[in-house]
Each structure stands twice: as structure tokens, then as C-alpha cells.
PDB file of N, CA and C in Angstrom:
ATOM      1  N   MET A   1       0.849  -1.174   0.000  1.00  0.00           N
ATOM      2  CA  MET A   1       0.000   0.000   0.000  1.00  0.00           C
ATOM      3  C   MET A   1       0.895   1.238   0.000  1.00  0.00           C
ATOM      4  N   LYS A   2       0.731   2.051  -0.977  1.00  0.00           N
ATOM      5  CA  LYS A   2       1.578   3.218  -1.130  1.00  0.00           C
ATOM      6  C   LYS A   2       1.051   4.366  -0.285  1.00  0.00           C
ATOM      7  N   ARG A   3       1.956   5.069   0.356  1.00  0.00           N
ATOM      8  CA  ARG A   3       1.562   6.154   1.252  1.00  0.00           C
ATOM      9  C   ARG A   3       0.916   7.314   0.515  1.00  0.00           C
ATOM     10  N   ASN A   4       1.286   7.534  -0.731  1.00  0.00           N
ATOM     11  CA  ASN A   4       0.714   8.649  -1.469  1.00  0.00           C
ATOM     12  C   ASN A   4      -0.609   8.271  -2.132  1.00  0.00           C
ATOM     13  N   LYS A   5      -1.032   7.056  -1.952  1.00  0.00           N
ATOM     14  CA  LYS A   5      -2.276   6.581  -2.556  1.00  0.00           C
ATOM     15  C   LYS A   5      -3.337   6.487  -1.461  1.00  0.00           C
ATOM     16  N   PRO A   6      -4.486   7.115  -1.650  1.00  0.00           N
ATOM     17  CA  PRO A   6      -5.530   7.015  -0.620  1.00  0.00           C
ATOM     18  C   PRO A   6      -5.951   5.556  -0.399  1.00  0.00           C
ATOM     19  N   LEU A   7      -6.243   5.243   0.848  1.00  0.00           N
ATOM     20  CA  LEU A   7      -6.738   3.911   1.173  1.00  0.00           C
ATOM     21  C   LEU A   7      -8.187   3.783   0.709  1.00  0.00           C
ATOM     22  N   ARG A   8      -8.535   2.612   0.253  1.00  0.00           N
ATOM     23  CA  ARG A   8      -9.949   2.349  -0.019  1.00  0.00           C
ATOM     24  C   ARG A   8     -10.669   2.340   1.316  1.00  0.00           C
ATOM     25  N   GLU A   9     -11.945   2.614   1.283  1.00  0.00           N
ATOM     26  CA  GLU A   9     -12.711   2.725   2.517  1.00  0.00           C
ATOM     27  C   GLU A   9     -12.643   1.453   3.360  1.00  0.00           C
ATOM     28  N   THR A  10     -12.745   0.302   2.728  1.00  0.00           N
ATOM     29  CA  THR A  10     -12.684  -0.945   3.495  1.00  0.00           C
ATOM     30  C   THR A  10     -11.312  -1.141   4.123  1.00  0.00           C
ATOM     31  N   ALA A  11     -10.245  -0.769   3.422  1.00  0.00           N
ATOM     32  CA  ALA A  11      -8.899  -0.878   3.982  1.00  0.00           C
ATOM     33  C   ALA A  11      -8.719   0.113   5.126  1.00  0.00           C
ATOM     34  N   PHE A  12      -9.249   1.309   4.970  1.00  0.00           N
ATOM     35  CA  PHE A  12      -9.158   2.312   6.026  1.00  0.00           C
ATOM     36  C   PHE A  12      -9.818   1.801   7.306  1.00  0.00           C
ATOM     37  N   TYR A  13     -11.042   1.315   7.196  1.00  0.00           N
ATOM     38  CA  TYR A  13     -11.754   0.853   8.384  1.00  0.00           C
ATOM     39  C   TYR A  13     -11.147  -0.425   8.965  1.00  0.00           C
ATOM     40  N   THR A  14     -10.625  -1.269   8.120  1.00  0.00           N
ATOM     41  CA  THR A  14      -9.955  -2.474   8.625  1.00  0.00           C
ATOM     42  C   THR A  14      -8.734  -2.075   9.434  1.00  0.00           C
ATOM     43  N   LEU A  15      -7.905  -1.194   8.892  1.00  0.00           N
ATOM     44  CA  LEU A  15      -6.706  -0.750   9.596  1.00  0.00           C
ATOM     45  C   LEU A  15      -7.072   0.019  10.861  1.00  0.00           C
ATOM     46  N   LEU A  16      -8.077   0.854  10.791  1.00  0.00           N
ATOM     47  CA  LEU A  16      -8.533   1.603  11.955  1.00  0.00           C
ATOM     48  C   LEU A  16      -8.990   0.658  13.067  1.00  0.00           C
ATOM     49  N   SER A  17      -9.570  -0.461  12.695  1.00  0.00           N
ATOM     50  CA  SER A  17     -10.014  -1.457  13.677  1.00  0.00           C
ATOM     51  C   SER A  17      -8.862  -2.134  14.386  1.00  0.00           C
ATOM     52  N   LEU A  18      -7.695  -2.085  13.794  1.00  0.00           N
ATOM     53  CA  LEU A  18      -6.547  -2.798  14.359  1.00  0.00           C
ATOM     54  C   LEU A  18      -5.732  -1.959  15.336  1.00  0.00           C
ATOM     55  N   THR A  19      -6.270  -0.845  15.768  1.00  0.00           N
ATOM     56  CA  THR A  19      -5.611  -0.105  16.840  1.00  0.00           C
ATOM     57  C   THR A  19      -5.653  -0.940  18.116  1.00  0.00           C
ATOM     58  N   GLU A  20      -6.486  -1.959  18.089  1.00  0.00           N
ATOM     59  CA  GLU A  20      -6.536  -2.989  19.134  1.00  0.00           C
ATOM     60  C   GLU A  20      -6.455  -4.325  18.408  1.00  0.00           C
ATOM     61  N   PRO A  21      -5.580  -5.232  18.826  1.00  0.00           N
ATOM     62  CA  PRO A  21      -5.475  -6.518  18.115  1.00  0.00           C
ATOM     63  C   PRO A  21      -6.831  -7.232  18.063  1.00  0.00           C
ATOM     64  N   ARG A  22      -7.170  -7.765  16.887  1.00  0.00           N
ATOM     65  CA  ARG A  22      -8.457  -8.427  16.707  1.00  0.00           C
ATOM     66  C   ARG A  22      -8.315  -9.599  15.750  1.00  0.00           C
ATOM     67  N   HIS A  23      -9.237 -10.523  15.841  1.00  0.00           N
ATOM     68  CA  HIS A  23      -9.330 -11.590  14.846  1.00  0.00           C
ATOM     69  C   HIS A  23     -10.288 -11.101  13.756  1.00  0.00           C
ATOM     70  N   GLY A  24     -10.375 -11.841  12.675  1.00  0.00           N
ATOM     71  CA  GLY A  24     -11.156 -11.407  11.516  1.00  0.00           C
ATOM     72  C   GLY A  24     -12.594 -11.048  11.830  1.00  0.00           C
ATOM     73  N   TYR A  25     -13.287 -11.912  12.576  1.00  0.00           N
ATOM     74  CA  TYR A  25     -14.689 -11.640  12.907  1.00  0.00           C
ATOM     75  C   TYR A  25     -14.800 -10.388  13.776  1.00  0.00           C
ATOM     76  N   GLY A  26     -13.838 -10.185  14.664  1.00  0.00           N
ATOM     77  CA  GLY A  26     -13.832  -8.986  15.502  1.00  0.00           C
ATOM     78  C   GLY A  26     -13.696  -7.718  14.669  1.00  0.00           C
ATOM     79  N   ILE A  27     -12.908  -7.798  13.600  1.00  0.00           N
ATOM     80  CA  ILE A  27     -12.764  -6.660  12.679  1.00  0.00           C
ATOM     81  C   ILE A  27     -14.092  -6.382  11.996  1.00  0.00           C
ATOM     82  N   VAL A  28     -14.733  -7.434  11.496  1.00  0.00           N
ATOM     83  CA  VAL A  28     -16.026  -7.291  10.814  1.00  0.00           C
ATOM     84  C   VAL A  28     -17.034  -6.599  11.733  1.00  0.00           C
ATOM     85  N   LYS A  29     -17.134  -7.065  12.964  1.00  0.00           N
ATOM     86  CA  LYS A  29     -18.101  -6.515  13.916  1.00  0.00           C
ATOM     87  C   LYS A  29     -17.739  -5.078  14.307  1.00  0.00           C
ATOM     88  N   HIS A  30     -16.443  -4.797  14.478  1.00  0.00           N
ATOM     89  CA  HIS A  30     -16.022  -3.450  14.846  1.00  0.00           C
ATOM     90  C   HIS A  30     -16.327  -2.451  13.729  1.00  0.00           C
ATOM     91  N   VAL A  31     -16.033  -2.818  12.493  1.00  0.00           N
ATOM     92  CA  VAL A  31     -16.316  -1.935  11.357  1.00  0.00           C
ATOM     93  C   VAL A  31     -17.821  -1.684  11.261  1.00  0.00           C
ATOM     94  N   GLU A  32     -18.599  -2.717  11.425  1.00  0.00           N
ATOM     95  CA  GLU A  32     -20.053  -2.566  11.384  1.00  0.00           C
ATOM     96  C   GLU A  32     -20.519  -1.602  12.483  1.00  0.00           C
ATOM     97  N   LYS A  33     -19.935  -1.725  13.659  1.00  0.00           N
ATOM     98  CA  LYS A  33     -20.314  -0.872  14.795  1.00  0.00           C
ATOM     99  C   LYS A  33     -19.944   0.586  14.547  1.00  0.00           C
ATOM    100  N   ILE A  34     -18.693   0.839  14.148  1.00  0.00           N
ATOM    101  CA  ILE A  34     -18.253   2.236  14.023  1.00  0.00           C
ATOM    102  C   ILE A  34     -18.850   2.934  12.799  1.00  0.00           C
ATOM    103  N   THR A  35     -19.327   2.165  11.829  1.00  0.00           N
ATOM    104  CA  THR A  35     -19.996   2.782  10.671  1.00  0.00           C
ATOM    105  C   THR A  35     -21.515   2.720  10.814  1.00  0.00           C
ATOM    106  N   LYS A  36     -21.971   2.334  12.000  1.00  0.00           N
ATOM    107  CA  LYS A  36     -23.406   2.223  12.296  1.00  0.00           C
ATOM    108  C   LYS A  36     -24.124   1.349  11.271  1.00  0.00           C
ATOM    109  N   GLY A  37     -23.449   0.268  10.869  1.00  0.00           N
ATOM    110  CA  GLY A  37     -24.042  -0.698   9.962  1.00  0.00           C
ATOM    111  C   GLY A  37     -23.939  -0.349   8.489  1.00  0.00           C
ATOM    112  N   ARG A  38     -23.376   0.806   8.156  1.00  0.00           N
ATOM    113  CA  ARG A  38     -23.260   1.208   6.754  1.00  0.00           C
ATOM    114  C   ARG A  38     -22.329   0.287   5.986  1.00  0.00           C
ATOM    115  N   ILE A  39     -21.269  -0.171   6.663  1.00  0.00           N
ATOM    116  CA  ILE A  39     -20.328  -1.083   6.013  1.00  0.00           C
ATOM    117  C   ILE A  39     -20.390  -2.422   6.724  1.00  0.00           C
ATOM    118  N   ARG A  40     -20.676  -3.456   5.947  1.00  0.00           N
ATOM    119  CA  ARG A  40     -20.671  -4.830   6.449  1.00  0.00           C
ATOM    120  C   ARG A  40     -19.689  -5.612   5.586  1.00  0.00           C
ATOM    121  N   LEU A  41     -18.522  -5.842   6.142  1.00  0.00           N
ATOM    122  CA  LEU A  41     -17.471  -6.529   5.392  1.00  0.00           C
ATOM    123  C   LEU A  41     -17.767  -8.014   5.286  1.00  0.00           C
ATOM    124  N   GLY A  42     -17.632  -8.550   4.096  1.00  0.00           N
ATOM    125  CA  GLY A  42     -17.719  -9.988   3.905  1.00  0.00           C
ATOM    126  C   GLY A  42     -16.377 -10.612   4.259  1.00  0.00           C
ATOM    127  N   SER A  43     -16.388 -11.904   4.529  1.00  0.00           N
ATOM    128  CA  SER A  43     -15.147 -12.563   4.929  1.00  0.00           C
ATOM    129  C   SER A  43     -14.095 -12.488   3.824  1.00  0.00           C
ATOM    130  N   GLY A  44     -14.487 -12.625   2.572  1.00  0.00           N
ATOM    131  CA  GLY A  44     -13.534 -12.538   1.465  1.00  0.00           C
ATOM    132  C   GLY A  44     -12.877 -11.171   1.400  1.00  0.00           C
ATOM    133  N   THR A  45     -13.661 -10.131   1.623  1.00  0.00           N
ATOM    134  CA  THR A  45     -13.136  -8.765   1.596  1.00  0.00           C
ATOM    135  C   THR A  45     -12.157  -8.540   2.734  1.00  0.00           C
ATOM    136  N   VAL A  46     -12.564  -8.909   3.952  1.00  0.00           N
ATOM    137  CA  VAL A  46     -11.704  -8.634   5.098  1.00  0.00           C
ATOM    138  C   VAL A  46     -10.418  -9.461   5.042  1.00  0.00           C
ATOM    139  N   TYR A  47     -10.514 -10.734   4.709  1.00  0.00           N
ATOM    140  CA  TYR A  47      -9.302 -11.555   4.680  1.00  0.00           C
ATOM    141  C   TYR A  47      -8.418 -11.214   3.485  1.00  0.00           C
ATOM    142  N   GLY A  48      -9.009 -10.824   2.378  1.00  0.00           N
ATOM    143  CA  GLY A  48      -8.218 -10.356   1.240  1.00  0.00           C
ATOM    144  C   GLY A  48      -7.460  -9.081   1.584  1.00  0.00           C
ATOM    145  N   THR A  49      -8.138  -8.161   2.265  1.00  0.00           N
ATOM    146  CA  THR A  49      -7.511  -6.910   2.694  1.00  0.00           C
ATOM    147  C   THR A  49      -6.397  -7.185   3.697  1.00  0.00           C
ATOM    148  N   LEU A  50      -6.652  -8.073   4.652  1.00  0.00           N
ATOM    149  CA  LEU A  50      -5.643  -8.410   5.654  1.00  0.00           C
ATOM    150  C   LEU A  50      -4.412  -9.065   5.024  1.00  0.00           C
ATOM    151  N   THR A  51      -4.637  -9.911   4.032  1.00  0.00           N
ATOM    152  CA  THR A  51      -3.516 -10.550   3.341  1.00  0.00           C
ATOM    153  C   THR A  51      -2.650  -9.507   2.645  1.00  0.00           C
ATOM    154  N   LYS A  52      -3.286  -8.548   1.966  1.00  0.00           N
ATOM    155  CA  LYS A  52      -2.542  -7.475   1.299  1.00  0.00           C
ATOM    156  C   LYS A  52      -1.772  -6.636   2.311  1.00  0.00           C
ATOM    157  N   MET A  53      -2.421  -6.356   3.449  1.00  0.00           N
ATOM    158  CA  MET A  53      -1.763  -5.561   4.485  1.00  0.00           C
ATOM    159  C   MET A  53      -0.569  -6.292   5.075  1.00  0.00           C
ATOM    160  N   GLN A  54      -0.713  -7.587   5.251  1.00  0.00           N
ATOM    161  CA  GLN A  54       0.397  -8.380   5.782  1.00  0.00           C
ATOM    162  C   GLN A  54       1.555  -8.381   4.791  1.00  0.00           C
ATOM    163  N   LYS A  55       1.259  -8.587   3.510  1.00  0.00           N
ATOM    164  CA  LYS A  55       2.303  -8.590   2.482  1.00  0.00           C
ATOM    165  C   LYS A  55       2.985  -7.229   2.360  1.00  0.00           C
ATOM    166  N   SER A  56       2.212  -6.160   2.622  1.00  0.00           N
ATOM    167  CA  SER A  56       2.765  -4.808   2.554  1.00  0.00           C
ATOM    168  C   SER A  56       3.525  -4.425   3.814  1.00  0.00           C
ATOM    169  N   GLY A  57       3.465  -5.274   4.833  1.00  0.00           N
ATOM    170  CA  GLY A  57       4.214  -5.035   6.055  1.00  0.00           C
ATOM    171  C   GLY A  57       3.622  -3.995   6.983  1.00  0.00           C
ATOM    172  N   ILE A  58       2.302  -3.774   6.912  1.00  0.00           N
ATOM    173  CA  ILE A  58       1.693  -2.755   7.768  1.00  0.00           C
ATOM    174  C   ILE A  58       0.915  -3.340   8.944  1.00  0.00           C
ATOM    175  N   ILE A  59       0.788  -4.671   8.970  1.00  0.00           N
ATOM    176  CA  ILE A  59       0.180  -5.334  10.118  1.00  0.00           C
ATOM    177  C   ILE A  59       1.039  -6.522  10.524  1.00  0.00           C
ATOM    178  N   THR A  60       0.832  -6.958  11.752  1.00  0.00           N
ATOM    179  CA  THR A  60       1.490  -8.140  12.280  1.00  0.00           C
ATOM    180  C   THR A  60       0.418  -9.199  12.513  1.00  0.00           C
ATOM    181  N   VAL A  61       0.739 -10.439  12.200  1.00  0.00           N
ATOM    182  CA  VAL A  61      -0.218 -11.534  12.355  1.00  0.00           C
ATOM    183  C   VAL A  61       0.383 -12.554  13.315  1.00  0.00           C
ATOM    184  N   TYR A  62      -0.420 -12.995  14.283  1.00  0.00           N
ATOM    185  CA  TYR A  62       0.031 -14.017  15.217  1.00  0.00           C
ATOM    186  C   TYR A  62      -1.165 -14.816  15.719  1.00  0.00           C
ATOM    187  N   ALA A  63      -0.915 -15.866  16.443  1.00  0.00           N
ATOM    188  CA  ALA A  63      -1.981 -16.701  17.004  1.00  0.00           C
ATOM    189  C   ALA A  63      -2.041 -16.462  18.513  1.00  0.00           C
ATOM    190  N   ASP A  64      -3.267 -16.416  19.050  1.00  0.00           N
ATOM    191  CA  ASP A  64      -3.423 -16.258  20.488  1.00  0.00           C
ATOM    192  C   ASP A  64      -3.409 -17.621  21.174  1.00  0.00           C
ATOM    193  N   GLU A  65      -3.698 -17.642  22.464  1.00  0.00           N
ATOM    194  CA  GLU A  65      -3.660 -18.893  23.225  1.00  0.00           C
ATOM    195  C   GLU A  65      -4.694 -19.909  22.768  1.00  0.00           C
ATOM    196  N   LYS A  66      -5.742 -19.445  22.083  1.00  0.00           N
ATOM    197  CA  LYS A  66      -6.768 -20.356  21.554  1.00  0.00           C
ATOM    198  C   LYS A  66      -6.475 -20.738  20.097  1.00  0.00           C
ATOM    199  N   GLN A  67      -5.309 -20.354  19.620  1.00  0.00           N
ATOM    200  CA  GLN A  67      -4.867 -20.610  18.244  1.00  0.00           C
ATOM    201  C   GLN A  67      -5.700 -19.861  17.201  1.00  0.00           C
ATOM    202  N   LYS A  68      -6.365 -18.776  17.619  1.00  0.00           N
ATOM    203  CA  LYS A  68      -7.067 -17.913  16.670  1.00  0.00           C
ATOM    204  C   LYS A  68      -6.044 -16.970  16.052  1.00  0.00           C
ATOM    205  N   THR A  69      -6.214 -16.677  14.793  1.00  0.00           N
ATOM    206  CA  THR A  69      -5.325 -15.732  14.123  1.00  0.00           C
ATOM    207  C   THR A  69      -5.708 -14.324  14.539  1.00  0.00           C
ATOM    208  N   ILE A  70      -4.728 -13.598  15.025  1.00  0.00           N
ATOM    209  CA  ILE A  70      -4.929 -12.233  15.499  1.00  0.00           C
ATOM    210  C   ILE A  70      -4.130 -11.282  14.614  1.00  0.00           C
ATOM    211  N   TYR A  71      -4.739 -10.140  14.324  1.00  0.00           N
ATOM    212  CA  TYR A  71      -4.111  -9.131  13.476  1.00  0.00           C
ATOM    213  C   TYR A  71      -3.914  -7.870  14.308  1.00  0.00           C
ATOM    214  N   ALA A  72      -2.761  -7.230  14.130  1.00  0.00           N
ATOM    215  CA  ALA A  72      -2.464  -5.998  14.867  1.00  0.00           C
ATOM    216  C   ALA A  72      -1.712  -5.039  13.961  1.00  0.00           C
ATOM    217  N   ILE A  73      -2.000  -3.769  14.124  1.00  0.00           N
ATOM    218  CA  ILE A  73      -1.286  -2.750  13.359  1.00  0.00           C
ATOM    219  C   ILE A  73       0.137  -2.638  13.903  1.00  0.00           C
ATOM    220  N   ASN A  74       1.100  -2.399  13.024  1.00  0.00           N
ATOM    221  CA  ASN A  74       2.484  -2.195  13.466  1.00  0.00           C
ATOM    222  C   ASN A  74       2.857  -0.730  13.234  1.00  0.00           C
ATOM    223  N   ASP A  75       4.120  -0.384  13.475  1.00  0.00           N
ATOM    224  CA  ASP A  75       4.536   1.017  13.363  1.00  0.00           C
ATOM    225  C   ASP A  75       4.347   1.586  11.961  1.00  0.00           C
ATOM    226  N   ILE A  76       4.603   0.788  10.951  1.00  0.00           N
ATOM    227  CA  ILE A  76       4.404   1.254   9.569  1.00  0.00           C
ATOM    228  C   ILE A  76       2.921   1.510   9.330  1.00  0.00           C
ATOM    229  N   GLY A  77       2.085   0.607   9.800  1.00  0.00           N
ATOM    230  CA  GLY A  77       0.642   0.777   9.668  1.00  0.00           C
ATOM    231  C   GLY A  77       0.134   1.996  10.414  1.00  0.00           C
ATOM    232  N   LYS A  78       0.695   2.252  11.598  1.00  0.00           N
ATOM    233  CA  LYS A  78       0.295   3.437  12.373  1.00  0.00           C
ATOM    234  C   LYS A  78       0.632   4.714  11.615  1.00  0.00           C
ATOM    235  N   THR A  79       1.809   4.735  11.010  1.00  0.00           N
ATOM    236  CA  THR A  79       2.197   5.897  10.208  1.00  0.00           C
ATOM    237  C   THR A  79       1.226   6.073   9.043  1.00  0.00           C
ATOM    238  N   LEU A  80       0.882   4.979   8.397  1.00  0.00           N
ATOM    239  CA  LEU A  80      -0.032   5.027   7.256  1.00  0.00           C
ATOM    240  C   LEU A  80      -1.409   5.522   7.665  1.00  0.00           C
ATOM    241  N   ILE A  81      -1.959   4.998   8.766  1.00  0.00           N
ATOM    242  CA  ILE A  81      -3.311   5.409   9.163  1.00  0.00           C
ATOM    243  C   ILE A  81      -3.316   6.868   9.606  1.00  0.00           C
ATOM    244  N   LEU A  82      -2.264   7.314  10.277  1.00  0.00           N
ATOM    245  CA  LEU A  82      -2.206   8.724  10.674  1.00  0.00           C
ATOM    246  C   LEU A  82      -2.107   9.643   9.457  1.00  0.00           C
ATOM    247  N   HIS A  83      -1.347   9.226   8.458  1.00  0.00           N
ATOM    248  CA  HIS A  83      -1.249   9.981   7.211  1.00  0.00           C
ATOM    249  C   HIS A  83      -2.632  10.065   6.544  1.00  0.00           C
ATOM    250  N   GLU A  84      -3.339   8.955   6.531  1.00  0.00           N
ATOM    251  CA  GLU A  84      -4.664   8.917   5.904  1.00  0.00           C
ATOM    252  C   GLU A  84      -5.671   9.766   6.687  1.00  0.00           C
ATOM    253  N   ILE A  85      -5.606   9.737   7.999  1.00  0.00           N
ATOM    254  CA  ILE A  85      -6.500  10.561   8.811  1.00  0.00           C
ATOM    255  C   ILE A  85      -6.244  12.042   8.546  1.00  0.00           C
ATOM    256  N   THR A  86      -4.984  12.421   8.448  1.00  0.00           N
ATOM    257  CA  THR A  86      -4.634  13.810   8.129  1.00  0.00           C
ATOM    258  C   THR A  86      -5.193  14.198   6.763  1.00  0.00           C
ATOM    259  N   ARG A  87      -5.058  13.308   5.781  1.00  0.00           N
ATOM    260  CA  ARG A  87      -5.582  13.576   4.440  1.00  0.00           C
ATOM    261  C   ARG A  87      -7.097  13.756   4.474  1.00  0.00           C
ATOM    262  N   LEU A  88      -7.769  12.899   5.227  1.00  0.00           N
ATOM    263  CA  LEU A  88      -9.232  12.973   5.314  1.00  0.00           C
ATOM    264  C   LEU A  88      -9.697  14.237   6.042  1.00  0.00           C
ATOM    265  N   LYS A  89      -8.952  14.669   7.044  1.00  0.00           N
ATOM    266  CA  LYS A  89      -9.284  15.913   7.740  1.00  0.00           C
ATOM    267  C   LYS A  89      -9.187  17.094   6.783  1.00  0.00           C
ATOM    268  N   GLU A  90      -8.122  17.107   5.968  1.00  0.00           N
ATOM    269  CA  GLU A  90      -7.969  18.182   4.980  1.00  0.00           C
ATOM    270  C   GLU A  90      -9.134  18.161   3.993  1.00  0.00           C
ATOM    271  N   LEU A  91      -9.480  16.981   3.544  1.00  0.00           N
ATOM    272  CA  LEU A  91     -10.602  16.828   2.615  1.00  0.00           C
ATOM    273  C   LEU A  91     -11.881  17.366   3.243  1.00  0.00           C
ATOM    274  N   HIS A  92     -12.126  17.016   4.493  1.00  0.00           N
ATOM    275  CA  HIS A  92     -13.324  17.457   5.203  1.00  0.00           C
ATOM    276  C   HIS A  92     -13.335  18.983   5.379  1.00  0.00           C
ATOM    277  N   GLU A  93     -12.202  19.550   5.784  1.00  0.00           N
ATOM    278  CA  GLU A  93     -12.109  20.996   5.959  1.00  0.00           C
ATOM    279  C   GLU A  93     -12.379  21.729   4.652  1.00  0.00           C
ATOM    280  N   ASN A  94     -11.812  21.241   3.559  1.00  0.00           N
ATOM    281  CA  ASN A  94     -12.038  21.875   2.264  1.00  0.00           C
ATOM    282  C   ASN A  94     -13.486  21.726   1.820  1.00  0.00           C
ATOM    283  N   ALA A  95     -14.085  20.594   2.109  1.00  0.00           N
ATOM    284  CA  ALA A  95     -15.493  20.394   1.763  1.00  0.00           C
ATOM    285  C   ALA A  95     -16.365  21.401   2.503  1.00  0.00           C
ATOM    286  N   LEU A  96     -16.103  21.604   3.768  1.00  0.00           N
ATOM    287  CA  LEU A  96     -16.883  22.566   4.543  1.00  0.00           C
ATOM    288  C   LEU A  96     -16.650  23.989   4.059  1.00  0.00           C
ATOM    289  N   THR A  97     -15.409  24.310   3.740  1.00  0.00           N
ATOM    290  CA  THR A  97     -15.069  25.656   3.288  1.00  0.00           C
ATOM    291  C   THR A  97     -15.744  25.997   1.964  1.00  0.00           C
ATOM    292  N   TYR A  98     -15.744  25.051   1.040  1.00  0.00           N
ATOM    293  CA  TYR A  98     -16.239  25.342  -0.303  1.00  0.00           C
ATOM    294  C   TYR A  98     -17.626  24.779  -0.603  1.00  0.00           C
ATOM    295  N   GLU A  99     -18.275  24.253   0.404  1.00  0.00           N
ATOM    296  CA  GLU A  99     -19.602  23.665   0.219  1.00  0.00           C
ATOM    297  C   GLU A  99     -20.597  24.657  -0.373  1.00  0.00           C
ATOM    298  N   GLY A 100     -20.591  25.882   0.119  1.00  0.00           N
ATOM    299  CA  GLY A 100     -21.533  26.891  -0.361  1.00  0.00           C
ATOM    300  C   GLY A 100     -21.347  27.242  -1.816  1.00  0.00           C
ATOM    301  N   GLU A 101     -20.120  27.178  -2.301  1.00  0.00           N
ATOM    302  CA  GLU A 101     -19.848  27.517  -3.693  1.00  0.00           C
ATOM    303  C   GLU A 101     -20.348  26.464  -4.662  1.00  0.00           C
ATOM    304  N   SER A 102     -20.634  25.289  -4.139  1.00  0.00           N
ATOM    305  CA  SER A 102     -21.083  24.189  -5.007  1.00  0.00           C
ATOM    306  C   SER A 102     -22.596  24.175  -5.203  1.00  0.00           C
ATOM    307  N   ARG A 103     -23.269  25.008  -4.506  1.00  0.00           N
ATOM    308  CA  ARG A 103     -24.756  25.021  -4.583  1.00  0.00           C
ATOM    309  C   ARG A 103     -25.253  25.879  -5.699  1.00  0.00           C
TER     310      ARG A 103
END
């Protein structure tokens, strides 16, 4: 995942969910909760996204005591999510500033 490339919404919410280590189903439920049900990730989407994130080196994967696969954001991922949050804040500020001109 390139830092200069905006994250897709599903990748953003998946990474945002990993500020606390979670297993796949926990990510699905957390994303559903924080988006008030607007986004419901399918297992193929979430595990495909997690695989890409692991290959890109932005998350860490390990097994817990119950042998469940757990995903956690690492330092590279934290840098990426903070960069994306900053980008989204700028986008939001500009939208509010120029909203009236679009009417």
C-alpha cells in the first residue's frame, strides 16, 4: 500500500479497527459498529484486505492462546493510518469551506 495513494474505505476501516489486536470476525463486527451498519465486510473482503496488508508489512499476524489468528497494526501501519486521517481531515475541511460555492 503506497503512502501517497488514498486507502480504499474498506482498507481504512480495517486498519482503523486494528488499533486494538483483533481476529477477523472482531474486525467485521467493529467496522459494522463504528460505521453504524453502513459497512458490512464480507469474509472474502476482510481476509483479502488483511492478506494485502500483511504482504505490505503494515500489520502483524500471530496466534493467540486459543490458536485464533490475530491481526495488529504495526509502526508502519500506524504511520499510514495517521497519514490517511490527516488527508481525510484536509478533505473534510475543504469540503466545509467550499460547500456553499457548489450550490
